[in-house]
Amino acid sequence: MNKSWNILFLAGLFEIGWVVGLKHADSILTWVLTAVAIYLSMHLLVLASQKLPVGTAYAVFAGMGTTGTVILEMAVFGEPFRLIKIILILVLLGGVVGLKLVTDKEAGEHRA
């Protein structure tokens, strides 16, 4: 895995953090941590997009955020488990993995 994909993966993790933070923040500290996660996720997405195709980078970023948020909500915060959610997450992940595979074959990283 190259550096830009690693940066994009980290951006996706911070996206999960801020989305969950928006729902569950209840103190100054948790709001500050949510704001930091927002900044870091967007900053890292911009960095990754400088080398990766923007459409692919954003699709992977959004897919990771959606998948991670839904799974975290079910696993940690008591959101009801529904089989249809898992099936749709698997479809989403298939698209994200497909985009990464196609990007590596067709374009790889853009040269800055």
N, C-alpha and C. Protein backbone atom coordinates (compact mmCIF):
# COMPACT_ATOMS: atom_id res chain seq x y z
N MET A 1 0.85 -1.18 0.00
CA MET A 1 0.00 0.00 0.00
C MET A 1 0.89 1.24 0.00
N ASN A 2 0.55 2.23 -0.81
CA ASN A 2 1.40 3.41 -0.85
C ASN A 2 0.95 4.46 0.16
N LYS A 3 1.76 5.49 0.27
CA LYS A 3 1.55 6.52 1.28
C LYS A 3 0.20 7.23 1.15
N SER A 4 -0.22 7.55 -0.05
CA SER A 4 -1.47 8.28 -0.24
C SER A 4 -2.68 7.46 0.21
N TRP A 5 -2.66 6.15 -0.06
CA TRP A 5 -3.75 5.29 0.40
C TRP A 5 -3.76 5.19 1.92
N ASN A 6 -2.58 5.16 2.53
CA ASN A 6 -2.50 5.13 4.00
C ASN A 6 -3.07 6.41 4.60
N ILE A 7 -2.74 7.55 3.99
CA ILE A 7 -3.27 8.83 4.46
C ILE A 7 -4.79 8.85 4.32
N LEU A 8 -5.29 8.33 3.20
CA LEU A 8 -6.74 8.29 2.98
C LEU A 8 -7.42 7.38 4.01
N PHE A 9 -6.80 6.25 4.33
CA PHE A 9 -7.35 5.36 5.34
C PHE A 9 -7.42 6.07 6.70
N LEU A 10 -6.38 6.80 7.06
CA LEU A 10 -6.37 7.54 8.32
C LEU A 10 -7.45 8.63 8.31
N ALA A 11 -7.63 9.29 7.17
CA ALA A 11 -8.69 10.30 7.05
C ALA A 11 -10.06 9.67 7.30
N GLY A 12 -10.26 8.48 6.76
CA GLY A 12 -11.53 7.77 6.98
C GLY A 12 -11.76 7.43 8.44
N LEU A 13 -10.70 7.06 9.15
CA LEU A 13 -10.84 6.77 10.58
C LEU A 13 -11.24 8.02 11.36
N PHE A 14 -10.63 9.15 11.02
CA PHE A 14 -11.01 10.40 11.69
C PHE A 14 -12.43 10.81 11.32
N GLU A 15 -12.86 10.49 10.10
CA GLU A 15 -14.25 10.79 9.73
C GLU A 15 -15.22 10.01 10.61
N ILE A 16 -14.94 8.75 10.84
CA ILE A 16 -15.78 7.95 11.73
C ILE A 16 -15.84 8.61 13.11
N GLY A 17 -14.68 9.06 13.58
CA GLY A 17 -14.62 9.70 14.90
C GLY A 17 -15.48 10.95 14.99
N TRP A 18 -15.42 11.80 13.97
CA TRP A 18 -16.19 13.04 14.10
C TRP A 18 -17.68 12.82 13.88
N VAL A 19 -18.04 11.87 13.02
CA VAL A 19 -19.47 11.61 12.83
C VAL A 19 -20.09 11.07 14.12
N VAL A 20 -19.40 10.13 14.74
CA VAL A 20 -19.88 9.59 16.03
C VAL A 20 -19.84 10.69 17.09
N GLY A 21 -18.81 11.52 17.05
CA GLY A 21 -18.68 12.61 18.01
C GLY A 21 -19.83 13.60 17.92
N LEU A 22 -20.29 13.90 16.71
CA LEU A 22 -21.41 14.83 16.56
C LEU A 22 -22.66 14.31 17.27
N LYS A 23 -22.84 13.01 17.26
CA LYS A 23 -24.03 12.44 17.88
C LYS A 23 -23.88 12.30 19.40
N HIS A 24 -22.67 11.98 19.87
CA HIS A 24 -22.51 11.60 21.26
C HIS A 24 -21.73 12.62 22.13
N ALA A 25 -21.24 13.69 21.54
CA ALA A 25 -20.49 14.68 22.33
C ALA A 25 -21.42 15.33 23.35
N ASP A 26 -20.93 15.40 24.59
CA ASP A 26 -21.75 15.97 25.66
C ASP A 26 -20.96 16.81 26.65
N SER A 27 -19.73 17.14 26.30
CA SER A 27 -18.92 18.00 27.16
C SER A 27 -17.99 18.82 26.26
N ILE A 28 -17.37 19.81 26.85
CA ILE A 28 -16.44 20.65 26.09
C ILE A 28 -15.32 19.79 25.49
N LEU A 29 -14.79 18.86 26.26
CA LEU A 29 -13.70 18.01 25.77
C LEU A 29 -14.13 17.19 24.56
N THR A 30 -15.29 16.57 24.63
CA THR A 30 -15.72 15.74 23.51
C THR A 30 -16.05 16.59 22.28
N TRP A 31 -16.54 17.82 22.48
CA TRP A 31 -16.77 18.71 21.34
C TRP A 31 -15.45 19.16 20.73
N VAL A 32 -14.45 19.43 21.56
CA VAL A 32 -13.13 19.81 21.04
C VAL A 32 -12.52 18.64 20.26
N LEU A 33 -12.61 17.44 20.80
CA LEU A 33 -12.09 16.26 20.10
C LEU A 33 -12.82 16.04 18.77
N THR A 34 -14.12 16.29 18.75
CA THR A 34 -14.89 16.18 17.52
C THR A 34 -14.40 17.20 16.49
N ALA A 35 -14.17 18.43 16.92
CA ALA A 35 -13.68 19.47 16.01
C ALA A 35 -12.30 19.12 15.47
N VAL A 36 -11.43 18.60 16.31
CA VAL A 36 -10.09 18.18 15.87
C VAL A 36 -10.21 17.06 14.85
N ALA A 37 -11.10 16.11 15.09
CA ALA A 37 -11.30 15.01 14.14
C ALA A 37 -11.83 15.52 12.80
N ILE A 38 -12.72 16.51 12.83
CA ILE A 38 -13.22 17.10 11.58
C ILE A 38 -12.05 17.70 10.79
N TYR A 39 -11.25 18.50 11.48
CA TYR A 39 -10.12 19.14 10.81
C TYR A 39 -9.16 18.09 10.23
N LEU A 40 -8.78 17.12 11.05
CA LEU A 40 -7.82 16.12 10.59
C LEU A 40 -8.36 15.28 9.43
N SER A 41 -9.63 14.90 9.49
CA SER A 41 -10.17 14.09 8.40
C SER A 41 -10.16 14.87 7.08
N MET A 42 -10.57 16.13 7.12
CA MET A 42 -10.60 16.92 5.90
C MET A 42 -9.19 17.24 5.39
N HIS A 43 -8.30 17.57 6.31
CA HIS A 43 -6.92 17.87 5.92
C HIS A 43 -6.25 16.65 5.28
N LEU A 44 -6.43 15.49 5.90
CA LEU A 44 -5.83 14.27 5.35
C LEU A 44 -6.47 13.90 4.01
N LEU A 45 -7.78 14.13 3.87
CA LEU A 45 -8.43 13.87 2.58
C LEU A 45 -7.83 14.75 1.50
N VAL A 46 -7.60 16.01 1.80
CA VAL A 46 -6.99 16.92 0.82
C VAL A 46 -5.59 16.44 0.46
N LEU A 47 -4.81 16.03 1.45
CA LEU A 47 -3.46 15.53 1.17
C LEU A 47 -3.49 14.30 0.27
N ALA A 48 -4.37 13.37 0.58
CA ALA A 48 -4.47 12.16 -0.24
C ALA A 48 -4.94 12.49 -1.65
N SER A 49 -5.83 13.47 -1.78
CA SER A 49 -6.38 13.84 -3.09
C SER A 49 -5.36 14.52 -3.99
N GLN A 50 -4.26 14.96 -3.42
CA GLN A 50 -3.22 15.57 -4.25
C GLN A 50 -2.51 14.52 -5.11
N LYS A 51 -2.52 13.28 -4.66
CA LYS A 51 -1.85 12.21 -5.41
C LYS A 51 -2.82 11.21 -6.03
N LEU A 52 -3.99 11.04 -5.43
CA LEU A 52 -4.98 10.08 -5.92
C LEU A 52 -6.06 10.82 -6.70
N PRO A 53 -6.75 10.14 -7.61
CA PRO A 53 -7.88 10.78 -8.29
C PRO A 53 -8.92 11.23 -7.25
N VAL A 54 -9.39 12.46 -7.37
CA VAL A 54 -10.27 13.05 -6.37
C VAL A 54 -11.55 12.24 -6.20
N GLY A 55 -12.17 11.84 -7.29
CA GLY A 55 -13.42 11.08 -7.21
C GLY A 55 -13.24 9.77 -6.47
N THR A 56 -12.17 9.07 -6.77
CA THR A 56 -11.89 7.80 -6.10
C THR A 56 -11.59 8.03 -4.63
N ALA A 57 -10.76 9.03 -4.34
CA ALA A 57 -10.40 9.32 -2.95
C ALA A 57 -11.64 9.65 -2.13
N TYR A 58 -12.52 10.48 -2.67
CA TYR A 58 -13.71 10.86 -1.91
C TYR A 58 -14.66 9.67 -1.74
N ALA A 59 -14.81 8.85 -2.78
CA ALA A 59 -15.69 7.68 -2.67
C ALA A 59 -15.18 6.72 -1.61
N VAL A 60 -13.89 6.48 -1.58
CA VAL A 60 -13.31 5.60 -0.56
C VAL A 60 -13.48 6.21 0.83
N PHE A 61 -13.21 7.50 0.95
CA PHE A 61 -13.35 8.23 2.21
C PHE A 61 -14.79 8.14 2.73
N ALA A 62 -15.75 8.43 1.88
CA ALA A 62 -17.16 8.39 2.29
C ALA A 62 -17.60 6.96 2.60
N GLY A 63 -17.16 6.01 1.81
CA GLY A 63 -17.51 4.61 2.06
C GLY A 63 -16.97 4.10 3.39
N MET A 64 -15.71 4.46 3.66
CA MET A 64 -15.13 4.07 4.96
C MET A 64 -15.88 4.71 6.10
N GLY A 65 -16.19 5.98 5.96
CA GLY A 65 -16.90 6.68 7.03
C GLY A 65 -18.27 6.10 7.29
N THR A 66 -19.00 5.83 6.22
CA THR A 66 -20.34 5.27 6.37
C THR A 66 -20.29 3.88 7.00
N THR A 67 -19.43 3.03 6.47
CA THR A 67 -19.30 1.67 6.97
C THR A 67 -18.87 1.66 8.43
N GLY A 68 -17.82 2.41 8.72
CA GLY A 68 -17.30 2.44 10.09
C GLY A 68 -18.29 2.99 11.09
N THR A 69 -19.02 4.03 10.69
CA THR A 69 -20.00 4.63 11.59
C THR A 69 -21.13 3.66 11.90
N VAL A 70 -21.66 3.00 10.88
CA VAL A 70 -22.76 2.06 11.09
C VAL A 70 -22.31 0.90 11.97
N ILE A 71 -21.14 0.35 11.69
CA ILE A 71 -20.64 -0.78 12.49
C ILE A 71 -20.37 -0.35 13.93
N LEU A 72 -19.74 0.81 14.11
CA LEU A 72 -19.45 1.30 15.47
C LEU A 72 -20.73 1.57 16.25
N GLU A 73 -21.72 2.15 15.60
CA GLU A 73 -23.00 2.40 16.27
C GLU A 73 -23.66 1.11 16.72
N MET A 74 -23.59 0.06 15.89
CA MET A 74 -24.19 -1.22 16.27
C MET A 74 -23.37 -1.91 17.37
N ALA A 75 -22.05 -1.86 17.26
CA ALA A 75 -21.19 -2.60 18.19
C ALA A 75 -21.05 -1.93 19.55
N VAL A 76 -21.02 -0.61 19.56
CA VAL A 76 -20.70 0.10 20.80
C VAL A 76 -21.90 0.83 21.39
N PHE A 77 -22.74 1.41 20.55
CA PHE A 77 -23.78 2.30 21.05
C PHE A 77 -25.19 1.74 20.99
N GLY A 78 -25.32 0.44 20.75
CA GLY A 78 -26.62 -0.21 20.87
C GLY A 78 -27.59 0.00 19.73
N GLU A 79 -27.11 0.46 18.59
CA GLU A 79 -27.98 0.57 17.41
C GLU A 79 -28.45 -0.84 17.04
N PRO A 80 -29.72 -1.01 16.72
CA PRO A 80 -30.22 -2.35 16.41
C PRO A 80 -29.50 -2.98 15.21
N PHE A 81 -29.17 -4.25 15.32
CA PHE A 81 -28.55 -5.00 14.24
C PHE A 81 -29.64 -5.38 13.24
N ARG A 82 -29.39 -5.07 11.98
CA ARG A 82 -30.32 -5.48 10.92
C ARG A 82 -29.52 -6.08 9.79
N LEU A 83 -29.92 -7.24 9.34
CA LEU A 83 -29.21 -7.95 8.29
C LEU A 83 -29.10 -7.11 7.02
N ILE A 84 -30.14 -6.36 6.69
CA ILE A 84 -30.10 -5.55 5.48
C ILE A 84 -28.99 -4.50 5.56
N LYS A 85 -28.71 -3.96 6.74
CA LYS A 85 -27.60 -3.00 6.89
C LYS A 85 -26.27 -3.66 6.56
N ILE A 86 -26.08 -4.87 7.04
CA ILE A 86 -24.83 -5.59 6.79
C ILE A 86 -24.68 -5.89 5.30
N ILE A 87 -25.76 -6.32 4.66
CA ILE A 87 -25.72 -6.61 3.23
C ILE A 87 -25.37 -5.35 2.43
N LEU A 88 -26.00 -4.24 2.78
CA LEU A 88 -25.72 -2.98 2.07
C LEU A 88 -24.30 -2.49 2.33
N ILE A 89 -23.78 -2.69 3.54
CA ILE A 89 -22.39 -2.33 3.84
C ILE A 89 -21.45 -3.17 2.99
N LEU A 90 -21.75 -4.46 2.84
CA LEU A 90 -20.91 -5.32 2.01
C LEU A 90 -20.92 -4.88 0.54
N VAL A 91 -22.07 -4.45 0.06
CA VAL A 91 -22.15 -3.92 -1.31
C VAL A 91 -21.29 -2.66 -1.42
N LEU A 92 -21.41 -1.77 -0.44
CA LEU A 92 -20.62 -0.54 -0.42
C LEU A 92 -19.13 -0.86 -0.38
N LEU A 93 -18.72 -1.77 0.47
CA LEU A 93 -17.31 -2.14 0.56
C LEU A 93 -16.81 -2.75 -0.74
N GLY A 94 -17.66 -3.53 -1.39
CA GLY A 94 -17.28 -4.09 -2.70
C GLY A 94 -16.98 -2.99 -3.71
N GLY A 95 -17.79 -1.94 -3.69
CA GLY A 95 -17.54 -0.81 -4.58
C GLY A 95 -16.26 -0.07 -4.24
N VAL A 96 -16.00 0.12 -2.96
CA VAL A 96 -14.78 0.81 -2.53
C VAL A 96 -13.54 0.00 -2.92
N VAL A 97 -13.57 -1.30 -2.65
CA VAL A 97 -12.43 -2.15 -3.02
C VAL A 97 -12.25 -2.16 -4.53
N GLY A 98 -13.36 -2.24 -5.26
CA GLY A 98 -13.28 -2.20 -6.71
C GLY A 98 -12.66 -0.91 -7.22
N LEU A 99 -13.03 0.22 -6.64
CA LEU A 99 -12.44 1.50 -7.04
C LEU A 99 -10.94 1.52 -6.80
N LYS A 100 -10.52 0.99 -5.66
CA LYS A 100 -9.09 0.96 -5.37
C LYS A 100 -8.35 0.08 -6.36
N LEU A 101 -8.90 -1.07 -6.66
CA LEU A 101 -8.25 -1.98 -7.60
C LEU A 101 -8.17 -1.37 -9.00
N VAL A 102 -9.24 -0.75 -9.46
CA VAL A 102 -9.25 -0.14 -10.78
C VAL A 102 -8.30 1.05 -10.82
N THR A 103 -8.27 1.86 -9.76
CA THR A 103 -7.40 3.02 -9.72
C THR A 103 -5.94 2.61 -9.79
N ASP A 104 -5.56 1.58 -9.04
CA ASP A 104 -4.18 1.12 -9.06
C ASP A 104 -3.78 0.65 -10.46
N LYS A 105 -4.68 0.00 -11.18
CA LYS A 105 -4.35 -0.52 -12.50
C LYS A 105 -4.33 0.58 -13.55
N GLU A 106 -5.30 1.50 -13.50
CA GLU A 106 -5.43 2.49 -14.55
C GLU A 106 -4.55 3.72 -14.34
N ALA A 107 -4.59 4.28 -13.13
CA ALA A 107 -3.97 5.58 -12.94
C ALA A 107 -2.86 5.56 -11.90
N GLY A 108 -2.99 4.73 -10.90
CA GLY A 108 -2.03 4.78 -9.80
C GLY A 108 -2.10 6.14 -9.15
N GLU A 109 -0.96 6.67 -8.81
CA GLU A 109 -0.91 8.01 -8.21
C GLU A 109 -0.63 9.03 -9.30
N HIS A 110 -1.24 10.19 -9.16
CA HIS A 110 -0.90 11.31 -10.04
C HIS A 110 0.44 11.85 -9.61
N ARG A 111 1.20 12.30 -10.53
CA ARG A 111 2.48 12.92 -10.20
C ARG A 111 2.28 14.40 -9.96
N ALA A 112 2.79 14.89 -8.83
CA ALA A 112 2.64 16.31 -8.51
C ALA A 112 3.76 17.12 -9.11
